[in-house]
Amino acid sequence: MAEIVTRAVDEGLYEAEVTQEGGHYAYQVSVPDDLVELTGAERAAIVRATLAFLLDREPPTSIMRRFDCSVVPRFFPEYEAELPDYLEGPGAESGSPAAT
């Protein structure tokens, strides 16, 4: 399982560091207001859940280094339907190593 650590850079923009199988990867992820409203989750949690979702589908080197969560459904139509499960899954708790 990947360790995902996030840090707010600006309103709606996060830097995320992913450690998986000894590799370290960095991303900048934007979270649109409508996704916050749809899920009722904090932006940092959405970033972690989105990266976990993507990592279940592709290697970390295939994930765009900078992206907005609104583009994910273009590549993975199931994203919005499955996102709530990722928000409740491992790393969702504020005390976990994947949370910030």
PDB file of N, CA and C in Angstrom:
ATOM      1  N   MET A   1       0.834  -1.173   0.000  1.00  0.00           N
ATOM      2  CA  MET A   1       0.000   0.000   0.000  1.00  0.00           C
ATOM      3  C   MET A   1       0.885   1.244   0.000  1.00  0.00           C
ATOM      4  N   ALA A   2       0.459   2.248  -0.700  1.00  0.00           N
ATOM      5  CA  ALA A   2       1.213   3.491  -0.810  1.00  0.00           C
ATOM      6  C   ALA A   2       0.973   4.370   0.411  1.00  0.00           C
ATOM      7  N   GLU A   3       1.997   5.121   0.765  1.00  0.00           N
ATOM      8  CA  GLU A   3       1.856   6.164   1.772  1.00  0.00           C
ATOM      9  C   GLU A   3       1.702   7.473   1.011  1.00  0.00           C
ATOM     10  N   ILE A   4       0.648   8.216   1.354  1.00  0.00           N
ATOM     11  CA  ILE A   4       0.348   9.466   0.656  1.00  0.00           C
ATOM     12  C   ILE A   4       0.301  10.583   1.687  1.00  0.00           C
ATOM     13  N   VAL A   5       1.171  11.567   1.512  1.00  0.00           N
ATOM     14  CA  VAL A   5       1.229  12.709   2.422  1.00  0.00           C
ATOM     15  C   VAL A   5       0.921  13.964   1.620  1.00  0.00           C
ATOM     16  N   THR A   6       0.023  14.794   2.150  1.00  0.00           N
ATOM     17  CA  THR A   6      -0.368  16.000   1.435  1.00  0.00           C
ATOM     18  C   THR A   6       0.006  17.249   2.218  1.00  0.00           C
ATOM     19  N   ARG A   7       0.149  18.338   1.468  1.00  0.00           N
ATOM     20  CA  ARG A   7       0.422  19.643   2.062  1.00  0.00           C
ATOM     21  C   ARG A   7      -0.270  20.702   1.213  1.00  0.00           C
ATOM     22  N   ALA A   8      -1.049  21.556   1.875  1.00  0.00           N
ATOM     23  CA  ALA A   8      -1.727  22.635   1.163  1.00  0.00           C
ATOM     24  C   ALA A   8      -0.701  23.640   0.673  1.00  0.00           C
ATOM     25  N   VAL A   9      -0.833  24.029  -0.598  1.00  0.00           N
ATOM     26  CA  VAL A   9       0.050  25.014  -1.197  1.00  0.00           C
ATOM     27  C   VAL A   9      -0.698  26.333  -1.343  1.00  0.00           C
ATOM     28  N   ASP A  10      -1.931  26.234  -1.735  1.00  0.00           N
ATOM     29  CA  ASP A  10      -2.777  27.394  -1.988  1.00  0.00           C
ATOM     30  C   ASP A  10      -4.222  26.902  -1.848  1.00  0.00           C
ATOM     31  N   GLU A  11      -5.170  27.796  -1.911  1.00  0.00           N
ATOM     32  CA  GLU A  11      -6.573  27.414  -1.826  1.00  0.00           C
ATOM     33  C   GLU A  11      -6.903  26.425  -2.940  1.00  0.00           C
ATOM     34  N   GLY A  12      -7.189  25.191  -2.547  1.00  0.00           N
ATOM     35  CA  GLY A  12      -7.562  24.174  -3.516  1.00  0.00           C
ATOM     36  C   GLY A  12      -6.409  23.457  -4.193  1.00  0.00           C
ATOM     37  N   LEU A  13      -5.170  23.852  -3.903  1.00  0.00           N
ATOM     38  CA  LEU A  13      -4.005  23.221  -4.525  1.00  0.00           C
ATOM     39  C   LEU A  13      -3.155  22.547  -3.456  1.00  0.00           C
ATOM     40  N   TYR A  14      -2.809  21.298  -3.717  1.00  0.00           N
ATOM     41  CA  TYR A  14      -2.028  20.494  -2.769  1.00  0.00           C
ATOM     42  C   TYR A  14      -0.830  19.876  -3.452  1.00  0.00           C
ATOM     43  N   GLU A  15       0.247  19.770  -2.688  1.00  0.00           N
ATOM     44  CA  GLU A  15       1.365  18.938  -3.093  1.00  0.00           C
ATOM     45  C   GLU A  15       1.167  17.606  -2.400  1.00  0.00           C
ATOM     46  N   ALA A  16       1.404  16.534  -3.110  1.00  0.00           N
ATOM     47  CA  ALA A  16       1.257  15.199  -2.542  1.00  0.00           C
ATOM     48  C   ALA A  16       2.525  14.412  -2.819  1.00  0.00           C
ATOM     49  N   GLU A  17       2.995  13.749  -1.793  1.00  0.00           N
ATOM     50  CA  GLU A  17       4.146  12.863  -1.937  1.00  0.00           C
ATOM     51  C   GLU A  17       3.664  11.439  -1.724  1.00  0.00           C
ATOM     52  N   VAL A  18       4.000  10.591  -2.665  1.00  0.00           N
ATOM     53  CA  VAL A  18       3.602   9.186  -2.604  1.00  0.00           C
ATOM     54  C   VAL A  18       4.863   8.340  -2.481  1.00  0.00           C
ATOM     55  N   THR A  19       4.840   7.442  -1.517  1.00  0.00           N
ATOM     56  CA  THR A  19       5.903   6.460  -1.375  1.00  0.00           C
ATOM     57  C   THR A  19       5.270   5.095  -1.607  1.00  0.00           C
ATOM     58  N   GLN A  20       5.776   4.398  -2.597  1.00  0.00           N
ATOM     59  CA  GLN A  20       5.223   3.087  -2.938  1.00  0.00           C
ATOM     60  C   GLN A  20       6.359   2.191  -3.401  1.00  0.00           C
ATOM     61  N   GLU A  21       6.467   1.039  -2.764  1.00  0.00           N
ATOM     62  CA  GLU A  21       7.476   0.043  -3.124  1.00  0.00           C
ATOM     63  C   GLU A  21       8.868   0.665  -3.257  1.00  0.00           C
ATOM     64  N   GLY A  22       9.218   1.514  -2.299  1.00  0.00           N
ATOM     65  CA  GLY A  22      10.541   2.116  -2.279  1.00  0.00           C
ATOM     66  C   GLY A  22      10.724   3.314  -3.180  1.00  0.00           C
ATOM     67  N   GLY A  23       9.756   3.617  -4.022  1.00  0.00           N
ATOM     68  CA  GLY A  23       9.848   4.783  -4.897  1.00  0.00           C
ATOM     69  C   GLY A  23       9.137   5.977  -4.292  1.00  0.00           C
ATOM     70  N   HIS A  24       9.605   7.170  -4.636  1.00  0.00           N
ATOM     71  CA  HIS A  24       9.009   8.406  -4.152  1.00  0.00           C
ATOM     72  C   HIS A  24       8.553   9.224  -5.359  1.00  0.00           C
ATOM     73  N   TYR A  25       7.314   9.719  -5.282  1.00  0.00           N
ATOM     74  CA  TYR A  25       6.715  10.438  -6.398  1.00  0.00           C
ATOM     75  C   TYR A  25       6.037  11.693  -5.869  1.00  0.00           C
ATOM     76  N   ALA A  26       6.077  12.773  -6.638  1.00  0.00           N
ATOM     77  CA  ALA A  26       5.491  14.043  -6.220  1.00  0.00           C
ATOM     78  C   ALA A  26       4.454  14.491  -7.248  1.00  0.00           C
ATOM     79  N   TYR A  27       3.354  15.038  -6.722  1.00  0.00           N
ATOM     80  CA  TYR A  27       2.253  15.502  -7.564  1.00  0.00           C
ATOM     81  C   TYR A  27       1.741  16.830  -7.030  1.00  0.00           C
ATOM     82  N   GLN A  28       1.148  17.633  -7.914  1.00  0.00           N
ATOM     83  CA  GLN A  28       0.383  18.795  -7.520  1.00  0.00           C
ATOM     84  C   GLN A  28      -1.040  18.543  -7.980  1.00  0.00           C
ATOM     85  N   VAL A  29      -1.965  18.605  -7.030  1.00  0.00           N
ATOM     86  CA  VAL A  29      -3.345  18.234  -7.298  1.00  0.00           C
ATOM     87  C   VAL A  29      -4.266  19.368  -6.874  1.00  0.00           C
ATOM     88  N   SER A  30      -5.152  19.774  -7.781  1.00  0.00           N
ATOM     89  CA  SER A  30      -6.171  20.781  -7.491  1.00  0.00           C
ATOM     90  C   SER A  30      -7.497  20.079  -7.242  1.00  0.00           C
ATOM     91  N   VAL A  31      -8.241  20.604  -6.293  1.00  0.00           N
ATOM     92  CA  VAL A  31      -9.556  20.036  -5.957  1.00  0.00           C
ATOM     93  C   VAL A  31     -10.604  21.116  -6.179  1.00  0.00           C
ATOM     94  N   PRO A  32     -11.527  20.901  -7.123  1.00  0.00           N
ATOM     95  CA  PRO A  32     -12.550  21.909  -7.394  1.00  0.00           C
ATOM     96  C   PRO A  32     -13.605  21.959  -6.274  1.00  0.00           C
ATOM     97  N   ASP A  33     -14.204  23.126  -6.113  1.00  0.00           N
ATOM     98  CA  ASP A  33     -15.226  23.316  -5.080  1.00  0.00           C
ATOM     99  C   ASP A  33     -16.380  22.331  -5.214  1.00  0.00           C
ATOM    100  N   ASP A  34     -16.799  22.050  -6.457  1.00  0.00           N
ATOM    101  CA  ASP A  34     -17.954  21.166  -6.627  1.00  0.00           C
ATOM    102  C   ASP A  34     -17.678  19.746  -6.127  1.00  0.00           C
ATOM    103  N   LEU A  35     -16.434  19.305  -6.157  1.00  0.00           N
ATOM    104  CA  LEU A  35     -16.108  17.972  -5.646  1.00  0.00           C
ATOM    105  C   LEU A  35     -16.143  17.961  -4.119  1.00  0.00           C
ATOM    106  N   VAL A  36     -15.745  19.069  -3.511  1.00  0.00           N
ATOM    107  CA  VAL A  36     -15.845  19.201  -2.056  1.00  0.00           C
ATOM    108  C   VAL A  36     -17.321  19.161  -1.653  1.00  0.00           C
ATOM    109  N   GLU A  37     -18.154  19.893  -2.371  1.00  0.00           N
ATOM    110  CA  GLU A  37     -19.589  19.907  -2.085  1.00  0.00           C
ATOM    111  C   GLU A  37     -20.219  18.536  -2.311  1.00  0.00           C
ATOM    112  N   LEU A  38     -19.832  17.865  -3.364  1.00  0.00           N
ATOM    113  CA  LEU A  38     -20.389  16.550  -3.697  1.00  0.00           C
ATOM    114  C   LEU A  38     -20.058  15.506  -2.637  1.00  0.00           C
ATOM    115  N   THR A  39     -18.823  15.519  -2.155  1.00  0.00           N
ATOM    116  CA  THR A  39     -18.383  14.478  -1.217  1.00  0.00           C
ATOM    117  C   THR A  39     -18.543  14.873   0.240  1.00  0.00           C
ATOM    118  N   GLY A  40     -18.541  16.171   0.521  1.00  0.00           N
ATOM    119  CA  GLY A  40     -18.583  16.631   1.903  1.00  0.00           C
ATOM    120  C   GLY A  40     -17.269  16.387   2.628  1.00  0.00           C
ATOM    121  N   ALA A  41     -16.219  16.106   1.884  1.00  0.00           N
ATOM    122  CA  ALA A  41     -14.910  15.783   2.465  1.00  0.00           C
ATOM    123  C   ALA A  41     -13.983  16.993   2.388  1.00  0.00           C
ATOM    124  N   GLU A  42     -12.940  16.955   3.203  1.00  0.00           N
ATOM    125  CA  GLU A  42     -11.911  17.989   3.140  1.00  0.00           C
ATOM    126  C   GLU A  42     -11.061  17.773   1.889  1.00  0.00           C
ATOM    127  N   ARG A  43     -10.515  18.846   1.390  1.00  0.00           N
ATOM    128  CA  ARG A  43      -9.725  18.779   0.157  1.00  0.00           C
ATOM    129  C   ARG A  43      -8.537  17.818   0.280  1.00  0.00           C
ATOM    130  N   ALA A  44      -7.827  17.864   1.399  1.00  0.00           N
ATOM    131  CA  ALA A  44      -6.665  16.978   1.569  1.00  0.00           C
ATOM    132  C   ALA A  44      -7.093  15.518   1.493  1.00  0.00           C
ATOM    133  N   ALA A  45      -8.238  15.190   2.079  1.00  0.00           N
ATOM    134  CA  ALA A  45      -8.745  13.812   2.027  1.00  0.00           C
ATOM    135  C   ALA A  45      -9.092  13.417   0.597  1.00  0.00           C
ATOM    136  N   ILE A  46      -9.636  14.355  -0.165  1.00  0.00           N
ATOM    137  CA  ILE A  46      -9.972  14.072  -1.563  1.00  0.00           C
ATOM    138  C   ILE A  46      -8.699  13.815  -2.366  1.00  0.00           C
ATOM    139  N   VAL A  47      -7.652  14.583  -2.104  1.00  0.00           N
ATOM    140  CA  VAL A  47      -6.380  14.370  -2.802  1.00  0.00           C
ATOM    141  C   VAL A  47      -5.854  12.970  -2.505  1.00  0.00           C
ATOM    142  N   ARG A  48      -5.820  12.589  -1.221  1.00  0.00           N
ATOM    143  CA  ARG A  48      -5.318  11.254  -0.856  1.00  0.00           C
ATOM    144  C   ARG A  48      -6.183  10.160  -1.473  1.00  0.00           C
ATOM    145  N   ALA A  49      -7.498  10.320  -1.413  1.00  0.00           N
ATOM    146  CA  ALA A  49      -8.407   9.309  -1.971  1.00  0.00           C
ATOM    147  C   ALA A  49      -8.248   9.212  -3.486  1.00  0.00           C
ATOM    148  N   THR A  50      -8.091  10.349  -4.139  1.00  0.00           N
ATOM    149  CA  THR A  50      -7.932  10.356  -5.596  1.00  0.00           C
ATOM    150  C   THR A  50      -6.645   9.651  -6.001  1.00  0.00           C
ATOM    151  N   LEU A  51      -5.566   9.942  -5.305  1.00  0.00           N
ATOM    152  CA  LEU A  51      -4.300   9.273  -5.634  1.00  0.00           C
ATOM    153  C   LEU A  51      -4.378   7.775  -5.341  1.00  0.00           C
ATOM    154  N   ALA A  52      -5.018   7.386  -4.250  1.00  0.00           N
ATOM    155  CA  ALA A  52      -5.180   5.957  -3.963  1.00  0.00           C
ATOM    156  C   ALA A  52      -5.990   5.289  -5.074  1.00  0.00           C
ATOM    157  N   PHE A  53      -7.054   5.950  -5.516  1.00  0.00           N
ATOM    158  CA  PHE A  53      -7.881   5.451  -6.615  1.00  0.00           C
ATOM    159  C   PHE A  53      -7.024   5.254  -7.871  1.00  0.00           C
ATOM    160  N   LEU A  54      -6.243   6.266  -8.219  1.00  0.00           N
ATOM    161  CA  LEU A  54      -5.407   6.183  -9.420  1.00  0.00           C
ATOM    162  C   LEU A  54      -4.339   5.103  -9.296  1.00  0.00           C
ATOM    163  N   LEU A  55      -3.724   4.996  -8.121  1.00  0.00           N
ATOM    164  CA  LEU A  55      -2.680   3.994  -7.923  1.00  0.00           C
ATOM    165  C   LEU A  55      -3.211   2.568  -8.006  1.00  0.00           C
ATOM    166  N   ASP A  56      -4.498   2.395  -7.751  1.00  0.00           N
ATOM    167  CA  ASP A  56      -5.109   1.071  -7.921  1.00  0.00           C
ATOM    168  C   ASP A  56      -5.294   0.719  -9.394  1.00  0.00           C
ATOM    169  N   ARG A  57      -5.136   1.707 -10.267  1.00  0.00           N
ATOM    170  CA  ARG A  57      -5.398   1.497 -11.687  1.00  0.00           C
ATOM    171  C   ARG A  57      -4.183   1.659 -12.596  1.00  0.00           C
ATOM    172  N   GLU A  58      -3.159   2.341 -12.100  1.00  0.00           N
ATOM    173  CA  GLU A  58      -1.984   2.569 -12.937  1.00  0.00           C
ATOM    174  C   GLU A  58      -0.760   2.798 -12.058  1.00  0.00           C
ATOM    175  N   PRO A  59       0.418   2.597 -12.631  1.00  0.00           N
ATOM    176  CA  PRO A  59       1.638   2.826 -11.842  1.00  0.00           C
ATOM    177  C   PRO A  59       1.814   4.318 -11.564  1.00  0.00           C
ATOM    178  N   PRO A  60       2.541   4.641 -10.497  1.00  0.00           N
ATOM    179  CA  PRO A  60       2.721   6.053 -10.150  1.00  0.00           C
ATOM    180  C   PRO A  60       3.385   6.877 -11.246  1.00  0.00           C
ATOM    181  N   THR A  61       4.168   6.251 -12.079  1.00  0.00           N
ATOM    182  CA  THR A  61       4.828   6.977 -13.170  1.00  0.00           C
ATOM    183  C   THR A  61       3.864   7.354 -14.294  1.00  0.00           C
ATOM    184  N   SER A  62       2.682   6.743 -14.308  1.00  0.00           N
ATOM    185  CA  SER A  62       1.693   7.054 -15.336  1.00  0.00           C
ATOM    186  C   SER A  62       0.731   8.166 -14.922  1.00  0.00           C
ATOM    187  N   ILE A  63       0.742   8.532 -13.664  1.00  0.00           N
ATOM    188  CA  ILE A  63      -0.141   9.589 -13.165  1.00  0.00           C
ATOM    189  C   ILE A  63       0.472  10.944 -13.521  1.00  0.00           C
ATOM    190  N   MET A  64      -0.360  11.845 -14.039  1.00  0.00           N
ATOM    191  CA  MET A  64       0.124  13.181 -14.385  1.00  0.00           C
ATOM    192  C   MET A  64       0.705  13.853 -13.142  1.00  0.00           C
ATOM    193  N   ARG A  65       1.810  14.530 -13.299  1.00  0.00           N
ATOM    194  CA  ARG A  65       2.482  15.182 -12.158  1.00  0.00           C
ATOM    195  C   ARG A  65       1.677  16.357 -11.618  1.00  0.00           C
ATOM    196  N   ARG A  66       0.867  16.972 -12.452  1.00  0.00           N
ATOM    197  CA  ARG A  66       0.002  18.066 -12.031  1.00  0.00           C
ATOM    198  C   ARG A  66      -1.347  17.875 -12.706  1.00  0.00           C
ATOM    199  N   PHE A  67      -2.408  17.855 -11.890  1.00  0.00           N
ATOM    200  CA  PHE A  67      -3.732  17.674 -12.463  1.00  0.00           C
ATOM    201  C   PHE A  67      -4.803  18.200 -11.519  1.00  0.00           C
ATOM    202  N   ASP A  68      -5.972  18.416 -12.073  1.00  0.00           N
ATOM    203  CA  ASP A  68      -7.154  18.798 -11.321  1.00  0.00           C
ATOM    204  C   ASP A  68      -8.029  17.550 -11.226  1.00  0.00           C
ATOM    205  N   CYS A  69      -8.608  17.320 -10.065  1.00  0.00           N
ATOM    206  CA  CYS A  69      -9.426  16.118  -9.871  1.00  0.00           C
ATOM    207  C   CYS A  69     -10.589  16.038 -10.859  1.00  0.00           C
ATOM    208  N   SER A  70     -10.995  17.183 -11.409  1.00  0.00           N
ATOM    209  CA  SER A  70     -12.106  17.176 -12.361  1.00  0.00           C
ATOM    210  C   SER A  70     -11.778  16.449 -13.659  1.00  0.00           C
ATOM    211  N   VAL A  71     -10.491  16.219 -13.957  1.00  0.00           N
ATOM    212  CA  VAL A  71     -10.133  15.512 -15.191  1.00  0.00           C
ATOM    213  C   VAL A  71     -10.151  13.995 -15.027  1.00  0.00           C
ATOM    214  N   VAL A  72     -10.140  13.508 -13.807  1.00  0.00           N
ATOM    215  CA  VAL A  72     -10.041  12.059 -13.569  1.00  0.00           C
ATOM    216  C   VAL A  72     -11.181  11.285 -14.231  1.00  0.00           C
ATOM    217  N   PRO A  73     -12.453  11.758 -14.165  1.00  0.00           N
ATOM    218  CA  PRO A  73     -13.535  10.994 -14.814  1.00  0.00           C
ATOM    219  C   PRO A  73     -13.393  10.839 -16.324  1.00  0.00           C
ATOM    220  N   ARG A  74     -12.610  11.697 -16.965  1.00  0.00           N
ATOM    221  CA  ARG A  74     -12.385  11.555 -18.408  1.00  0.00           C
ATOM    222  C   ARG A  74     -11.639  10.260 -18.717  1.00  0.00           C
ATOM    223  N   PHE A  75     -10.766   9.878 -17.813  1.00  0.00           N
ATOM    224  CA  PHE A  75      -9.961   8.671 -17.989  1.00  0.00           C
ATOM    225  C   PHE A  75     -10.565   7.467 -17.273  1.00  0.00           C
ATOM    226  N   PHE A  76     -11.251   7.738 -16.160  1.00  0.00           N
ATOM    227  CA  PHE A  76     -11.849   6.682 -15.337  1.00  0.00           C
ATOM    228  C   PHE A  76     -13.271   7.095 -14.972  1.00  0.00           C
ATOM    229  N   PRO A  77     -14.251   6.724 -15.801  1.00  0.00           N
ATOM    230  CA  PRO A  77     -15.638   7.149 -15.582  1.00  0.00           C
ATOM    231  C   PRO A  77     -16.213   6.726 -14.222  1.00  0.00           C
ATOM    232  N   GLU A  78     -15.639   5.709 -13.606  1.00  0.00           N
ATOM    233  CA  GLU A  78     -16.141   5.212 -12.325  1.00  0.00           C
ATOM    234  C   GLU A  78     -15.647   6.035 -11.128  1.00  0.00           C
ATOM    235  N   TYR A  79     -14.821   7.024 -11.374  1.00  0.00           N
ATOM    236  CA  TYR A  79     -14.176   7.801 -10.302  1.00  0.00           C
ATOM    237  C   TYR A  79     -15.170   8.357  -9.279  1.00  0.00           C
ATOM    238  N   GLU A  80     -16.148   9.128  -9.724  1.00  0.00           N
ATOM    239  CA  GLU A  80     -17.065   9.756  -8.772  1.00  0.00           C
ATOM    240  C   GLU A  80     -17.896   8.733  -7.995  1.00  0.00           C
ATOM    241  N   ALA A  81     -18.245   7.627  -8.626  1.00  0.00           N
ATOM    242  CA  ALA A  81     -19.019   6.591  -7.931  1.00  0.00           C
ATOM    243  C   ALA A  81     -18.177   5.868  -6.891  1.00  0.00           C
ATOM    244  N   GLU A  82     -16.883   5.689  -7.160  1.00  0.00           N
ATOM    245  CA  GLU A  82     -16.015   4.934  -6.249  1.00  0.00           C
ATOM    246  C   GLU A  82     -15.271   5.801  -5.241  1.00  0.00           C
ATOM    247  N   LEU A  83     -15.225   7.109  -5.472  1.00  0.00           N
ATOM    248  CA  LEU A  83     -14.490   8.000  -4.579  1.00  0.00           C
ATOM    249  C   LEU A  83     -14.939   7.892  -3.117  1.00  0.00           C
ATOM    250  N   PRO A  84     -16.243   7.815  -2.824  1.00  0.00           N
ATOM    251  CA  PRO A  84     -16.642   7.692  -1.411  1.00  0.00           C
ATOM    252  C   PRO A  84     -16.017   6.487  -0.701  1.00  0.00           C
ATOM    253  N   ASP A  85     -15.843   5.377  -1.396  1.00  0.00           N
ATOM    254  CA  ASP A  85     -15.206   4.206  -0.786  1.00  0.00           C
ATOM    255  C   ASP A  85     -13.749   4.499  -0.444  1.00  0.00           C
ATOM    256  N   TYR A  86     -13.068   5.254  -1.284  1.00  0.00           N
ATOM    257  CA  TYR A  86     -11.675   5.610  -1.021  1.00  0.00           C
ATOM    258  C   TYR A  86     -11.573   6.636   0.105  1.00  0.00           C
ATOM    259  N   LEU A  87     -12.571   7.489   0.225  1.00  0.00           N
ATOM    260  CA  LEU A  87     -12.578   8.463   1.315  1.00  0.00           C
ATOM    261  C   LEU A  87     -12.757   7.774   2.668  1.00  0.00           C
ATOM    262  N   GLU A  88     -13.403   6.632   2.677  1.00  0.00           N
ATOM    263  CA  GLU A  88     -13.636   5.886   3.922  1.00  0.00           C
ATOM    264  C   GLU A  88     -12.585   4.819   4.168  1.00  0.00           C
ATOM    265  N   GLY A  89     -11.720   4.556   3.188  1.00  0.00           N
ATOM    266  CA  GLY A  89     -10.764   3.463   3.280  1.00  0.00           C
ATOM    267  C   GLY A  89      -9.532   3.801   4.091  1.00  0.00           C
ATOM    268  N   PRO A  90      -8.511   2.951   4.018  1.00  0.00           N
ATOM    269  CA  PRO A  90      -7.262   3.168   4.755  1.00  0.00           C
ATOM    270  C   PRO A  90      -6.658   4.527   4.413  1.00  0.00           C
ATOM    271  N   GLY A  91      -6.165   5.194   5.434  1.00  0.00           N
ATOM    272  CA  GLY A  91      -5.567   6.509   5.230  1.00  0.00           C
ATOM    273  C   GLY A  91      -6.547   7.642   5.323  1.00  0.00           C
ATOM    274  N   ALA A  92      -7.840   7.336   5.480  1.00  0.00           N
ATOM    275  CA  ALA A  92      -8.843   8.377   5.542  1.00  0.00           C
ATOM    276  C   ALA A  92      -8.865   9.074   6.909  1.00  0.00           C
ATOM    277  N   GLU A  93      -8.420   8.387   7.954  1.00  0.00           N
ATOM    278  CA  GLU A  93      -8.461   8.958   9.294  1.00  0.00           C
ATOM    279  C   GLU A  93      -7.384  10.020   9.422  1.00  0.00           C
ATOM    280  N   SER A  94      -7.693  11.063  10.188  1.00  0.00           N
ATOM    281  CA  SER A  94      -6.752  12.183  10.302  1.00  0.00           C
ATOM    282  C   SER A  94      -5.475  11.802  11.045  1.00  0.00           C
ATOM    283  N   GLY A  95      -5.476  10.714  11.811  1.00  0.00           N
ATOM    284  CA  GLY A  95      -4.287  10.318  12.534  1.00  0.00           C
ATOM    285  C   GLY A  95      -3.407   9.333  11.794  1.00  0.00           C
ATOM    286  N   SER A  96      -3.777   8.958  10.598  1.00  0.00           N
ATOM    287  CA  SER A  96      -3.011   7.955   9.855  1.00  0.00           C
ATOM    288  C   SER A  96      -1.777   8.587   9.228  1.00  0.00           C
ATOM    289  N   PRO A  97      -0.772   7.769   8.900  1.00  0.00           N
ATOM    290  CA  PRO A  97       0.440   8.316   8.275  1.00  0.00           C
ATOM    291  C   PRO A  97       0.158   8.977   6.942  1.00  0.00           C
ATOM    292  N   ALA A  98      -0.925   8.598   6.269  1.00  0.00           N
ATOM    293  CA  ALA A  98      -1.204   9.154   4.951  1.00  0.00           C
ATOM    294  C   ALA A  98      -1.913  10.493   5.045  1.00  0.00           C
ATOM    295  N   ALA A  99      -2.323  10.892   6.210  1.00  0.00           N
ATOM    296  CA  ALA A  99      -3.107  12.116   6.359  1.00  0.00           C
ATOM    297  C   ALA A  99      -2.244  13.273   6.837  1.00  0.00           C
ATOM    298  N   THR A 100      -2.661  14.480   6.434  1.00  0.00           N
ATOM    299  CA  THR A 100      -2.037  15.685   6.961  1.00  0.00           C
ATOM    300  C   THR A 100      -3.107  16.687   7.271  1.00  0.00           C
TER     301      THR A 100
END
